[in-house]
PDB file of all heavy atoms in Angstrom:
ATOM      1  N   LEU A   1      51.967  51.963  -3.769  1.00  0.00           N
ATOM      2  CA  LEU A   1      51.229  51.663  -2.549  1.00  0.00           C
ATOM      3  C   LEU A   1      51.658  50.350  -1.924  1.00  0.00           C
ATOM      4  O   LEU A   1      51.609  50.202  -0.702  1.00  0.00           O
ATOM      5  CB  LEU A   1      49.725  51.635  -2.859  1.00  0.00           C
ATOM      6  CG  LEU A   1      48.777  51.529  -1.663  1.00  0.00           C
ATOM      7  CD1 LEU A   1      48.972  52.711  -0.722  1.00  0.00           C
ATOM      8  CD2 LEU A   1      47.327  51.464  -2.129  1.00  0.00           C
ATOM      9  N   GLY A   2      52.074  49.393  -2.740  1.00  0.00           N
ATOM     10  CA  GLY A   2      52.476  48.105  -2.201  1.00  0.00           C
ATOM     11  C   GLY A   2      53.896  48.057  -1.680  1.00  0.00           C
ATOM     12  O   GLY A   2      54.320  47.023  -1.122  1.00  0.00           O
ATOM     13  N   ARG A   3      54.671  49.113  -1.823  1.00  0.00           N
ATOM     14  CA  ARG A   3      56.058  49.121  -1.364  1.00  0.00           C
ATOM     15  C   ARG A   3      56.142  49.398   0.134  1.00  0.00           C
ATOM     16  O   ARG A   3      55.364  50.169   0.689  1.00  0.00           O
ATOM     17  CB  ARG A   3      56.861  50.169  -2.131  1.00  0.00           C
ATOM     18  CG  ARG A   3      56.983  49.873  -3.612  1.00  0.00           C
ATOM     19  CD  ARG A   3      57.926  50.847  -4.288  1.00  0.00           C
ATOM     20  NE  ARG A   3      58.053  50.566  -5.710  1.00  0.00           N
ATOM     21  CZ  ARG A   3      58.836  51.246  -6.541  1.00  0.00           C
ATOM     22  NH1 ARG A   3      59.557  52.263  -6.069  1.00  0.00           N
ATOM     23  NH2 ARG A   3      58.893  50.926  -7.813  1.00  0.00           N
ATOM     24  N   GLU A   4      57.097  48.775   0.751  1.00  0.00           N
ATOM     25  CA  GLU A   4      57.269  48.926   2.193  1.00  0.00           C
ATOM     26  C   GLU A   4      57.768  50.338   2.516  1.00  0.00           C
ATOM     27  O   GLU A   4      58.693  50.843   1.904  1.00  0.00           O
ATOM     28  CB  GLU A   4      58.269  47.885   2.706  1.00  0.00           C
ATOM     29  CG  GLU A   4      58.449  47.890   4.208  1.00  0.00           C
ATOM     30  CD  GLU A   4      59.412  46.821   4.674  1.00  0.00           C
ATOM     31  OE1 GLU A   4      59.897  46.049   3.812  1.00  0.00           O
ATOM     32  OE2 GLU A   4      59.687  46.758   5.884  1.00  0.00           O
ATOM     33  N   GLY A   5      57.143  50.950   3.491  1.00  0.00           N
ATOM     34  CA  GLY A   5      57.537  52.283   3.916  1.00  0.00           C
ATOM     35  C   GLY A   5      56.932  53.416   3.126  1.00  0.00           C
ATOM     36  O   GLY A   5      57.242  54.584   3.403  1.00  0.00           O
ATOM     37  N   TYR A   6      56.053  53.117   2.152  1.00  0.00           N
ATOM     38  CA  TYR A   6      55.461  54.189   1.366  1.00  0.00           C
ATOM     39  C   TYR A   6      54.402  54.911   2.193  1.00  0.00           C
ATOM     40  O   TYR A   6      53.535  54.274   2.817  1.00  0.00           O
ATOM     41  CB  TYR A   6      54.829  53.637   0.083  1.00  0.00           C
ATOM     42  CG  TYR A   6      54.044  54.666  -0.692  1.00  0.00           C
ATOM     43  CD1 TYR A   6      54.685  55.707  -1.365  1.00  0.00           C
ATOM     44  CD2 TYR A   6      52.651  54.609  -0.741  1.00  0.00           C
ATOM     45  CE1 TYR A   6      53.966  56.654  -2.069  1.00  0.00           C
ATOM     46  CE2 TYR A   6      51.923  55.551  -1.449  1.00  0.00           C
ATOM     47  CZ  TYR A   6      52.584  56.569  -2.109  1.00  0.00           C
ATOM     48  OH  TYR A   6      51.861  57.508  -2.791  1.00  0.00           O
ATOM     49  N   ASP A   7      54.455  56.225   2.202  1.00  0.00           N
ATOM     50  CA  ASP A   7      53.515  57.053   2.954  1.00  0.00           C
ATOM     51  C   ASP A   7      52.757  57.940   1.979  1.00  0.00           C
ATOM     52  O   ASP A   7      53.324  58.884   1.428  1.00  0.00           O
ATOM     53  CB  ASP A   7      54.256  57.906   3.977  1.00  0.00           C
ATOM     54  CG  ASP A   7      53.291  58.731   4.832  1.00  0.00           C
ATOM     55  OD1 ASP A   7      52.077  58.442   4.785  1.00  0.00           O
ATOM     56  OD2 ASP A   7      53.761  59.635   5.546  1.00  0.00           O
ATOM     57  N   PRO A   8      51.473  57.663   1.727  1.00  0.00           N
ATOM     58  CA  PRO A   8      50.726  58.491   0.768  1.00  0.00           C
ATOM     59  C   PRO A   8      50.460  59.904   1.265  1.00  0.00           C
ATOM     60  O   PRO A   8      50.015  60.753   0.499  1.00  0.00           O
ATOM     61  CB  PRO A   8      49.417  57.718   0.589  1.00  0.00           C
ATOM     62  CG  PRO A   8      49.270  56.927   1.839  1.00  0.00           C
ATOM     63  CD  PRO A   8      50.663  56.571   2.269  1.00  0.00           C
ATOM     64  N   HIS A   9      50.717  60.180   2.543  1.00  0.00           N
ATOM     65  CA  HIS A   9      50.471  61.523   3.073  1.00  0.00           C
ATOM     66  C   HIS A   9      51.669  62.446   2.879  1.00  0.00           C
ATOM     67  O   HIS A   9      51.639  63.585   3.335  1.00  0.00           O
ATOM     68  CB  HIS A   9      50.130  61.432   4.561  1.00  0.00           C
ATOM     69  CG  HIS A   9      48.894  60.652   4.848  1.00  0.00           C
ATOM     70  ND1 HIS A   9      47.628  61.188   4.772  1.00  0.00           N
ATOM     71  CD2 HIS A   9      48.722  59.346   5.185  1.00  0.00           C
ATOM     72  CE1 HIS A   9      46.733  60.262   5.069  1.00  0.00           C
ATOM     73  NE2 HIS A   9      47.363  59.130   5.324  1.00  0.00           N
ATOM     74  N   ALA A  10      52.729  61.963   2.218  1.00  0.00           N
ATOM     75  CA  ALA A  10      53.944  62.760   2.094  1.00  0.00           C
ATOM     76  C   ALA A  10      54.024  63.525   0.779  1.00  0.00           C
ATOM     77  O   ALA A  10      54.960  64.267   0.567  1.00  0.00           O
ATOM     78  CB  ALA A  10      55.175  61.863   2.229  1.00  0.00           C
ATOM     79  N   ASN A  11      53.084  63.335  -0.147  1.00  0.00           N
ATOM     80  CA  ASN A  11      53.144  64.035  -1.430  1.00  0.00           C
ATOM     81  C   ASN A  11      51.744  64.490  -1.817  1.00  0.00           C
ATOM     82  O   ASN A  11      50.903  64.715  -0.942  1.00  0.00           O
ATOM     83  CB  ASN A  11      53.764  63.136  -2.510  1.00  0.00           C
ATOM     84  CG  ASN A  11      53.125  61.756  -2.534  1.00  0.00           C
ATOM     85  OD1 ASN A  11      51.958  61.621  -2.191  1.00  0.00           O
ATOM     86  ND2 ASN A  11      53.872  60.747  -2.918  1.00  0.00           N
ATOM     87  N   CYS A  12      51.488  64.607  -3.103  1.00  0.00           N
ATOM     88  CA  CYS A  12      50.190  65.129  -3.546  1.00  0.00           C
ATOM     89  C   CYS A  12      49.042  64.177  -3.223  1.00  0.00           C
ATOM     90  O   CYS A  12      47.880  64.589  -3.287  1.00  0.00           O
ATOM     91  CB  CYS A  12      50.225  65.408  -5.047  1.00  0.00           C
ATOM     92  SG  CYS A  12      49.944  63.966  -6.078  1.00  0.00           S
ATOM     93  N   MET A  13      49.339  62.916  -2.866  1.00  0.00           N
ATOM     94  CA  MET A  13      48.275  61.993  -2.509  1.00  0.00           C
ATOM     95  C   MET A  13      47.520  62.467  -1.273  1.00  0.00           C
ATOM     96  O   MET A  13      46.342  62.134  -1.093  1.00  0.00           O
ATOM     97  CB  MET A  13      48.837  60.585  -2.268  1.00  0.00           C
ATOM     98  CG  MET A  13      49.439  59.933  -3.498  1.00  0.00           C
ATOM     99  SD  MET A  13      48.344  59.930  -4.945  1.00  0.00           S
ATOM    100  CE  MET A  13      46.869  59.192  -4.291  1.00  0.00           C
ATOM    101  N   LYS A  14      48.172  63.256  -0.430  1.00  0.00           N
ATOM    102  CA  LYS A  14      47.485  63.813   0.732  1.00  0.00           C
ATOM    103  C   LYS A  14      46.337  64.712   0.297  1.00  0.00           C
ATOM    104  O   LYS A  14      45.274  64.738   0.935  1.00  0.00           O
ATOM    105  CB  LYS A  14      48.479  64.592   1.592  1.00  0.00           C
ATOM    106  CG  LYS A  14      47.879  65.210   2.835  1.00  0.00           C
ATOM    107  CD  LYS A  14      48.923  65.944   3.641  1.00  0.00           C
ATOM    108  CE  LYS A  14      48.311  66.580   4.882  1.00  0.00           C
ATOM    109  NZ  LYS A  14      49.336  67.320   5.686  1.00  0.00           N
ATOM    110  N   THR A  15      46.524  65.428  -0.809  1.00  0.00           N
ATOM    111  CA  THR A  15      45.457  66.266  -1.353  1.00  0.00           C
ATOM    112  C   THR A  15      44.371  65.441  -2.020  1.00  0.00           C
ATOM    113  O   THR A  15      43.188  65.800  -1.968  1.00  0.00           O
ATOM    114  CB  THR A  15      46.050  67.259  -2.370  1.00  0.00           C
ATOM    115  OG1 THR A  15      47.101  67.998  -1.753  1.00  0.00           O
ATOM    116  CG2 THR A  15      44.997  68.216  -2.895  1.00  0.00           C
ATOM    117  N   ALA A  16      44.749  64.311  -2.630  1.00  0.00           N
ATOM    118  CA  ALA A  16      43.796  63.520  -3.408  1.00  0.00           C
ATOM    119  C   ALA A  16      42.953  62.581  -2.561  1.00  0.00           C
ATOM    120  O   ALA A  16      41.814  62.263  -2.943  1.00  0.00           O
ATOM    121  CB  ALA A  16      44.551  62.720  -4.473  1.00  0.00           C
ATOM    122  N   LEU A  17      43.462  62.112  -1.433  1.00  0.00           N
ATOM    123  CA  LEU A  17      42.778  61.068  -0.663  1.00  0.00           C
ATOM    124  C   LEU A  17      41.345  61.422  -0.261  1.00  0.00           C
ATOM    125  O   LEU A  17      40.463  60.548  -0.308  1.00  0.00           O
ATOM    126  CB  LEU A  17      43.604  60.726   0.582  1.00  0.00           C
ATOM    127  CG  LEU A  17      44.854  59.867   0.342  1.00  0.00           C
ATOM    128  CD1 LEU A  17      45.641  59.691   1.626  1.00  0.00           C
ATOM    129  CD2 LEU A  17      44.473  58.511  -0.236  1.00  0.00           C
ATOM    130  N   PRO A  18      41.016  62.646   0.147  1.00  0.00           N
ATOM    131  CA  PRO A  18      39.620  62.918   0.541  1.00  0.00           C
ATOM    132  C   PRO A  18      38.597  62.743  -0.580  1.00  0.00           C
ATOM    133  O   PRO A  18      37.410  62.582  -0.291  1.00  0.00           O
ATOM    134  CB  PRO A  18      39.668  64.378   1.013  1.00  0.00           C
ATOM    135  CG  PRO A  18      41.085  64.621   1.390  1.00  0.00           C
ATOM    136  CD  PRO A  18      41.887  63.799   0.430  1.00  0.00           C
ATOM    137  N   TYR A  19      39.027  62.751  -1.838  1.00  0.00           N
ATOM    138  CA  TYR A  19      38.096  62.664  -2.961  1.00  0.00           C
ATOM    139  C   TYR A  19      38.028  61.270  -3.572  1.00  0.00           C
ATOM    140  O   TYR A  19      37.271  61.072  -4.529  1.00  0.00           O
ATOM    141  CB  TYR A  19      38.497  63.659  -4.052  1.00  0.00           C
ATOM    142  CG  TYR A  19      38.554  65.087  -3.577  1.00  0.00           C
ATOM    143  CD1 TYR A  19      39.767  65.709  -3.333  1.00  0.00           C
ATOM    144  CD2 TYR A  19      37.393  65.814  -3.370  1.00  0.00           C
ATOM    145  CE1 TYR A  19      39.831  67.021  -2.895  1.00  0.00           C
ATOM    146  CE2 TYR A  19      37.437  67.130  -2.930  1.00  0.00           C
ATOM    147  CZ  TYR A  19      38.661  67.726  -2.686  1.00  0.00           C
ATOM    148  OH  TYR A  19      38.720  69.021  -2.248  1.00  0.00           O
ATOM    149  N   LEU A  20      38.770  60.323  -3.061  1.00  0.00           N
ATOM    150  CA  LEU A  20      38.858  59.004  -3.691  1.00  0.00           C
ATOM    151  C   LEU A  20      37.855  58.044  -3.078  1.00  0.00           C
ATOM    152  O   LEU A  20      37.732  57.950  -1.848  1.00  0.00           O
ATOM    153  CB  LEU A  20      40.285  58.442  -3.536  1.00  0.00           C
ATOM    154  CG  LEU A  20      41.419  59.311  -4.098  1.00  0.00           C
ATOM    155  CD1 LEU A  20      42.759  58.602  -3.936  1.00  0.00           C
ATOM    156  CD2 LEU A  20      41.168  59.658  -5.557  1.00  0.00           C
ATOM    157  N   ASP A  21      37.136  57.316  -3.945  1.00  0.00           N
ATOM    158  CA  ASP A  21      36.256  56.245  -3.491  1.00  0.00           C
ATOM    159  C   ASP A  21      37.022  54.947  -3.288  1.00  0.00           C
ATOM    160  O   ASP A  21      36.569  54.091  -2.521  1.00  0.00           O
ATOM    161  CB  ASP A  21      35.140  56.026  -4.514  1.00  0.00           C
ATOM    162  CG  ASP A  21      34.247  57.244  -4.651  1.00  0.00           C
ATOM    163  OD1 ASP A  21      33.427  57.484  -3.756  1.00  0.00           O
ATOM    164  OD2 ASP A  21      34.393  57.975  -5.650  1.00  0.00           O
ATOM    165  N   ARG A  22      38.136  54.818  -3.971  1.00  0.00           N
ATOM    166  CA  ARG A  22      39.007  53.648  -3.763  1.00  0.00           C
ATOM    167  C   ARG A  22      40.437  54.030  -4.100  1.00  0.00           C
ATOM    168  O   ARG A  22      40.699  54.611  -5.152  1.00  0.00           O
ATOM    169  CB  ARG A  22      38.549  52.464  -4.611  1.00  0.00           C
ATOM    170  CG  ARG A  22      39.467  51.244  -4.522  1.00  0.00           C
ATOM    171  CD  ARG A  22      38.782  49.983  -5.004  1.00  0.00           C
ATOM    172  NE  ARG A  22      37.660  49.633  -4.136  1.00  0.00           N
ATOM    173  CZ  ARG A  22      36.860  48.577  -4.335  1.00  0.00           C
ATOM    174  NH1 ARG A  22      37.080  47.794  -5.385  1.00  0.00           N
ATOM    175  NH2 ARG A  22      35.868  48.312  -3.511  1.00  0.00           N
ATOM    176  N   PHE A  23      41.348  53.694  -3.196  1.00  0.00           N
ATOM    177  CA  PHE A  23      42.772  53.956  -3.372  1.00  0.00           C
ATOM    178  C   PHE A  23      43.504  52.627  -3.223  1.00  0.00           C
ATOM    179  O   PHE A  23      43.548  52.037  -2.143  1.00  0.00           O
ATOM    180  CB  PHE A  23      43.259  54.958  -2.327  1.00  0.00           C
ATOM    181  CG  PHE A  23      44.731  55.292  -2.424  1.00  0.00           C
ATOM    182  CD1 PHE A  23      45.296  55.634  -3.639  1.00  0.00           C
ATOM    183  CD2 PHE A  23      45.535  55.252  -1.300  1.00  0.00           C
ATOM    184  CE1 PHE A  23      46.634  55.942  -3.738  1.00  0.00           C
ATOM    185  CE2 PHE A  23      46.880  55.567  -1.379  1.00  0.00           C
ATOM    186  CZ  PHE A  23      47.420  55.907  -2.602  1.00  0.00           C
ATOM    187  N   CYS A  24      44.045  52.134  -4.339  1.00  0.00           N
ATOM    188  CA  CYS A  24      44.621  50.789  -4.335  1.00  0.00           C
ATOM    189  C   CYS A  24      45.721  50.714  -5.381  1.00  0.00           C
ATOM    190  O   CYS A  24      46.069  51.691  -6.034  1.00  0.00           O
ATOM    191  CB  CYS A  24      43.539  49.742  -4.604  1.00  0.00           C
ATOM    192  SG  CYS A  24      42.677  49.971  -6.179  1.00  0.00           S
ATOM    193  N   THR A  25      46.270  49.517  -5.523  1.00  0.00           N
ATOM    194  CA  THR A  25      47.264  49.233  -6.548  1.00  0.00           C
ATOM    195  C   THR A  25      46.871  47.961  -7.268  1.00  0.00           C
ATOM    196  O   THR A  25      46.097  47.138  -6.738  1.00  0.00           O
ATOM    197  CB  THR A  25      48.660  49.074  -5.924  1.00  0.00           C
ATOM    198  OG1 THR A  25      49.630  48.879  -6.967  1.00  0.00           O
ATOM    199  CG2 THR A  25      48.712  47.889  -4.972  1.00  0.00           C
ATOM    200  N   ALA A  26      47.356  47.785  -8.486  1.00  0.00           N
ATOM    201  CA  ALA A  26      47.043  46.602  -9.285  1.00  0.00           C
ATOM    202  C   ALA A  26      48.231  46.298 -10.183  1.00  0.00           C
ATOM    203  O   ALA A  26      48.677  47.164 -10.938  1.00  0.00           O
ATOM    204  CB  ALA A  26      45.781  46.814 -10.110  1.00  0.00           C
ATOM    205  N   HIS A  27      48.747  45.063 -10.071  1.00  0.00           N
ATOM    206  CA  HIS A  27      49.885  44.639 -10.879  1.00  0.00           C
ATOM    207  C   HIS A  27      49.581  43.410 -11.726  1.00  0.00           C
ATOM    208  O   HIS A  27      50.272  43.153 -12.709  1.00  0.00           O
ATOM    209  CB  HIS A  27      51.089  44.341  -9.977  1.00  0.00           C
ATOM    210  CG  HIS A  27      51.608  45.542  -9.242  1.00  0.00           C
ATOM    211  ND1 HIS A  27      52.490  46.435  -9.814  1.00  0.00           N
ATOM    212  CD2 HIS A  27      51.351  46.002  -8.000  1.00  0.00           C
ATOM    213  CE1 HIS A  27      52.765  47.397  -8.942  1.00  0.00           C
ATOM    214  NE2 HIS A  27      52.092  47.167  -7.837  1.00  0.00           N
ATOM    215  N   THR A  28      48.569  42.653 -11.356  1.00  0.00           N
ATOM    216  CA  THR A  28      48.221  41.424 -12.067  1.00  0.00           C
ATOM    217  C   THR A  28      46.814  41.553 -12.645  1.00  0.00           C
ATOM    218  O   THR A  28      46.014  42.399 -12.186  1.00  0.00           O
ATOM    219  CB  THR A  28      48.287  40.213 -11.127  1.00  0.00           C
ATOM    220  OG1 THR A  28      47.305  40.379 -10.081  1.00  0.00           O
ATOM    221  CG2 THR A  28      49.674  40.099 -10.504  1.00  0.00           C
TER     222      THR A  28
END
């Protein structure tokens, strides 16, 4: 999610997004 140009609507994340209460990334 933190990478430039990443589109979550281009893969299975498009199916998952309506059910998510939070969609984020964590590295630290």
